[in-house]
């Protein structure tokens, strides 16, 4: 359910800060669940995906390709900035 929620929020471009943080945390936890690593620990798909999630949030991808602008105009999001 967590992956579904993160995926839907990323596709829609809403709550990018929160979604990127939780998605990156989930990817790092999945990476650590596979210890000891059989591959290169730095160039692992989980680490790359976590970096991509952070880059999407920093680039305001939700404003460009999603519903981020409309999302931030909602009163509940304007009152709670952590939902941006």
N, C-alpha and C. Protein backbone atom coordinates (compact mmCIF):
# COMPACT_ATOMS: atom_id res chain seq x y z
N UNK A 1 0.82 -1.19 0.00
CA UNK A 1 0.00 0.00 0.00
C UNK A 1 0.87 1.26 0.00
N UNK A 2 2.00 1.17 0.68
CA UNK A 2 2.90 2.31 0.72
C UNK A 2 3.46 2.63 -0.65
N UNK A 3 3.87 1.58 -1.37
CA UNK A 3 4.39 1.78 -2.72
C UNK A 3 3.31 2.32 -3.65
N UNK A 4 2.09 1.87 -3.48
CA UNK A 4 0.99 2.37 -4.29
C UNK A 4 0.75 3.85 -4.04
N UNK A 5 0.74 4.25 -2.78
CA UNK A 5 0.55 5.66 -2.44
C UNK A 5 1.68 6.53 -2.96
N UNK A 6 2.91 6.07 -2.81
CA UNK A 6 4.06 6.83 -3.31
C UNK A 6 4.00 6.93 -4.83
N UNK A 7 3.68 5.84 -5.48
CA UNK A 7 3.60 5.84 -6.94
C UNK A 7 2.51 6.76 -7.47
N UNK A 8 1.34 6.72 -6.86
CA UNK A 8 0.25 7.59 -7.30
C UNK A 8 0.59 9.07 -7.08
N UNK A 9 1.19 9.38 -5.95
CA UNK A 9 1.56 10.77 -5.68
C UNK A 9 2.62 11.25 -6.66
N UNK A 10 3.56 10.39 -7.02
CA UNK A 10 4.58 10.77 -8.00
C UNK A 10 3.99 10.95 -9.39
N UNK A 11 3.10 10.07 -9.76
CA UNK A 11 2.46 10.19 -11.08
C UNK A 11 1.63 11.46 -11.17
N UNK A 12 0.89 11.77 -10.11
CA UNK A 12 0.04 12.96 -10.11
C UNK A 12 0.83 14.24 -9.85
N UNK A 13 2.01 14.13 -9.27
CA UNK A 13 2.82 15.30 -8.98
C UNK A 13 2.38 16.06 -7.76
N UNK A 14 1.75 15.39 -6.81
CA UNK A 14 1.25 16.06 -5.60
C UNK A 14 2.09 15.62 -4.41
N UNK A 15 2.30 16.54 -3.49
CA UNK A 15 3.05 16.23 -2.28
C UNK A 15 4.45 15.74 -2.56
N UNK A 16 5.15 16.40 -3.46
CA UNK A 16 6.44 15.89 -3.92
C UNK A 16 7.49 15.85 -2.82
N UNK A 17 7.49 16.81 -1.90
CA UNK A 17 8.49 16.79 -0.83
C UNK A 17 8.30 15.56 0.05
N UNK A 18 7.09 15.37 0.50
CA UNK A 18 6.78 14.24 1.37
C UNK A 18 6.95 12.91 0.63
N UNK A 19 6.51 12.87 -0.60
CA UNK A 19 6.60 11.65 -1.39
C UNK A 19 8.05 11.28 -1.68
N UNK A 20 8.87 12.27 -2.02
CA UNK A 20 10.28 12.00 -2.31
C UNK A 20 11.00 11.53 -1.06
N UNK A 21 10.70 12.14 0.07
CA UNK A 21 11.36 11.74 1.32
C UNK A 21 10.98 10.32 1.72
N UNK A 22 9.70 10.01 1.68
CA UNK A 22 9.28 8.66 2.06
C UNK A 22 9.70 7.62 1.03
N UNK A 23 9.66 7.98 -0.24
CA UNK A 23 10.10 7.06 -1.28
C UNK A 23 11.59 6.77 -1.19
N UNK A 24 12.38 7.80 -0.94
CA UNK A 24 13.83 7.60 -0.79
C UNK A 24 14.13 6.76 0.45
N UNK A 25 13.42 7.03 1.54
CA UNK A 25 13.59 6.22 2.75
C UNK A 25 13.23 4.76 2.49
N UNK A 26 12.15 4.53 1.79
CA UNK A 26 11.73 3.17 1.47
C UNK A 26 12.76 2.47 0.59
N UNK A 27 13.33 3.18 -0.37
CA UNK A 27 14.35 2.59 -1.23
C UNK A 27 15.61 2.24 -0.45
N UNK A 28 16.02 3.11 0.47
CA UNK A 28 17.21 2.82 1.29
C UNK A 28 16.94 1.65 2.22
N UNK A 29 15.73 1.55 2.75
CA UNK A 29 15.39 0.40 3.59
C UNK A 29 15.37 -0.89 2.78
N UNK A 30 14.88 -0.84 1.55
CA UNK A 30 14.92 -2.03 0.69
C UNK A 30 16.36 -2.41 0.36
N UNK A 31 17.21 -1.39 0.16
CA UNK A 31 18.63 -1.64 -0.12
C UNK A 31 19.28 -2.31 1.09
N UNK A 32 18.98 -1.82 2.29
CA UNK A 32 19.61 -2.38 3.48
C UNK A 32 19.06 -3.77 3.83
N UNK A 33 17.90 -4.10 3.35
CA UNK A 33 17.34 -5.43 3.62
C UNK A 33 18.09 -6.52 2.86
N UNK A 34 18.85 -6.13 1.86
CA UNK A 34 19.57 -7.10 1.03
C UNK A 34 21.03 -7.23 1.45
N UNK A 35 21.37 -6.78 2.65
CA UNK A 35 22.75 -6.88 3.13
C UNK A 35 23.06 -8.31 3.52
N UNK A 36 24.22 -8.83 3.31
CA UNK A 36 25.38 -8.28 2.62
C UNK A 36 25.15 -8.25 1.11
N UNK A 37 25.63 -7.20 0.51
CA UNK A 37 25.38 -6.96 -0.91
C UNK A 37 26.24 -7.86 -1.79
N UNK A 38 25.67 -8.28 -2.88
CA UNK A 38 26.40 -9.09 -3.85
C UNK A 38 26.97 -8.21 -4.96
N UNK A 39 26.42 -7.01 -5.12
CA UNK A 39 26.83 -6.11 -6.19
C UNK A 39 27.58 -4.92 -5.60
N UNK A 40 27.86 -3.96 -6.46
CA UNK A 40 28.47 -2.71 -6.04
C UNK A 40 27.49 -1.98 -5.12
N UNK A 41 27.89 -1.62 -3.90
CA UNK A 41 26.94 -1.01 -2.97
C UNK A 41 26.55 0.42 -3.34
N UNK A 42 27.32 1.09 -4.16
CA UNK A 42 27.02 2.48 -4.50
C UNK A 42 26.17 2.56 -5.76
N UNK A 43 26.48 1.76 -6.75
CA UNK A 43 25.70 1.78 -7.99
C UNK A 43 24.69 0.64 -7.93
N UNK A 44 23.76 0.76 -7.03
CA UNK A 44 22.68 -0.19 -6.86
C UNK A 44 21.39 0.49 -7.30
N UNK A 45 20.46 -0.26 -7.85
CA UNK A 45 19.24 0.36 -8.36
C UNK A 45 18.44 1.07 -7.27
N UNK A 46 18.46 0.57 -6.05
CA UNK A 46 17.72 1.22 -4.98
C UNK A 46 18.30 2.59 -4.64
N UNK A 47 19.62 2.69 -4.63
CA UNK A 47 20.27 3.98 -4.34
C UNK A 47 20.03 4.95 -5.48
N UNK A 48 20.11 4.48 -6.71
CA UNK A 48 19.86 5.34 -7.87
C UNK A 48 18.42 5.85 -7.85
N UNK A 49 17.46 4.98 -7.54
CA UNK A 49 16.05 5.40 -7.48
C UNK A 49 15.83 6.41 -6.36
N UNK A 50 16.49 6.23 -5.23
CA UNK A 50 16.37 7.19 -4.12
C UNK A 50 16.90 8.56 -4.54
N UNK A 51 18.02 8.58 -5.26
CA UNK A 51 18.57 9.85 -5.75
C UNK A 51 17.66 10.49 -6.79
N UNK A 52 17.04 9.68 -7.63
CA UNK A 52 16.11 10.21 -8.63
C UNK A 52 14.89 10.84 -7.95
N UNK A 53 14.39 10.22 -6.91
CA UNK A 53 13.25 10.78 -6.18
C UNK A 53 13.60 12.13 -5.57
N UNK A 54 14.77 12.24 -4.98
CA UNK A 54 15.20 13.52 -4.41
C UNK A 54 15.37 14.56 -5.51
N UNK A 55 15.93 14.15 -6.65
CA UNK A 55 16.11 15.09 -7.77
C UNK A 55 14.77 15.57 -8.31
N UNK A 56 13.77 14.69 -8.36
CA UNK A 56 12.44 15.10 -8.82
C UNK A 56 11.83 16.15 -7.89
N UNK A 57 12.01 15.97 -6.61
CA UNK A 57 11.47 16.94 -5.66
C UNK A 57 12.20 18.27 -5.75
N UNK A 58 13.52 18.22 -5.89
CA UNK A 58 14.30 19.45 -5.97
C UNK A 58 14.04 20.22 -7.27
N UNK A 59 13.68 19.51 -8.32
CA UNK A 59 13.44 20.14 -9.62
C UNK A 59 11.99 20.61 -9.79
N UNK A 60 11.18 20.46 -8.74
CA UNK A 60 9.75 20.82 -8.82
C UNK A 60 9.06 20.15 -10.00
N UNK A 61 9.29 18.87 -10.15
CA UNK A 61 8.71 18.14 -11.27
C UNK A 61 7.19 18.11 -11.20
N UNK A 62 6.63 18.19 -10.02
CA UNK A 62 5.17 18.20 -9.88
C UNK A 62 4.54 19.45 -10.45
N UNK A 63 5.27 20.55 -10.43
CA UNK A 63 4.74 21.80 -11.00
C UNK A 63 4.79 21.76 -12.52
N UNK A 64 5.79 21.13 -13.07
CA UNK A 64 5.98 21.12 -14.52
C UNK A 64 5.09 20.09 -15.20
N UNK A 65 5.07 18.88 -14.69
CA UNK A 65 4.39 17.78 -15.38
C UNK A 65 3.17 17.24 -14.64
N UNK A 66 2.81 17.83 -13.51
CA UNK A 66 1.72 17.24 -12.73
C UNK A 66 0.74 18.27 -12.21
N UNK A 67 0.10 17.90 -11.14
CA UNK A 67 -0.93 18.73 -10.53
C UNK A 67 -0.40 19.51 -9.33
N UNK A 68 0.91 19.75 -9.28
CA UNK A 68 1.53 20.40 -8.13
C UNK A 68 1.03 21.80 -7.87
N UNK A 69 0.84 22.59 -8.90
CA UNK A 69 0.36 23.96 -8.71
C UNK A 69 -1.05 23.98 -8.13
N UNK A 70 -1.93 23.15 -8.66
CA UNK A 70 -3.29 23.09 -8.15
C UNK A 70 -3.31 22.52 -6.73
N UNK A 71 -2.44 21.57 -6.46
CA UNK A 71 -2.34 20.96 -5.14
C UNK A 71 -1.97 22.00 -4.08
N UNK A 72 -1.00 22.86 -4.40
CA UNK A 72 -0.53 23.85 -3.43
C UNK A 72 -1.54 24.96 -3.18
N UNK A 73 -2.53 25.12 -4.05
CA UNK A 73 -3.57 26.13 -3.86
C UNK A 73 -4.67 25.67 -2.92
N UNK A 74 -4.73 24.39 -2.60
CA UNK A 74 -5.75 23.88 -1.69
C UNK A 74 -5.53 24.47 -0.29
N UNK A 75 -6.60 24.81 0.41
CA UNK A 75 -6.46 25.42 1.74
C UNK A 75 -5.71 24.55 2.75
N UNK A 76 -5.94 23.26 2.73
CA UNK A 76 -5.28 22.39 3.70
C UNK A 76 -3.78 22.33 3.44
N UNK A 77 -3.36 22.39 2.19
CA UNK A 77 -1.93 22.37 1.85
C UNK A 77 -1.30 23.73 2.15
N UNK A 78 -2.04 24.81 1.92
CA UNK A 78 -1.52 26.15 2.23
C UNK A 78 -1.31 26.31 3.73
N UNK A 79 -2.15 25.69 4.55
CA UNK A 79 -2.00 25.77 6.00
C UNK A 79 -0.89 24.86 6.53
N UNK A 80 -0.67 23.75 5.86
CA UNK A 80 0.35 22.77 6.27
C UNK A 80 1.41 22.66 5.18
N UNK A 81 2.49 23.43 5.33
CA UNK A 81 3.49 23.48 4.27
C UNK A 81 4.23 22.17 4.08
N UNK A 82 4.19 21.27 5.04
CA UNK A 82 4.88 19.99 4.88
C UNK A 82 4.18 19.11 3.85
N UNK A 83 2.97 19.46 3.42
CA UNK A 83 2.25 18.69 2.42
C UNK A 83 2.62 19.08 0.98
N UNK A 84 3.45 20.09 0.80
CA UNK A 84 3.80 20.55 -0.55
C UNK A 84 4.61 19.53 -1.29
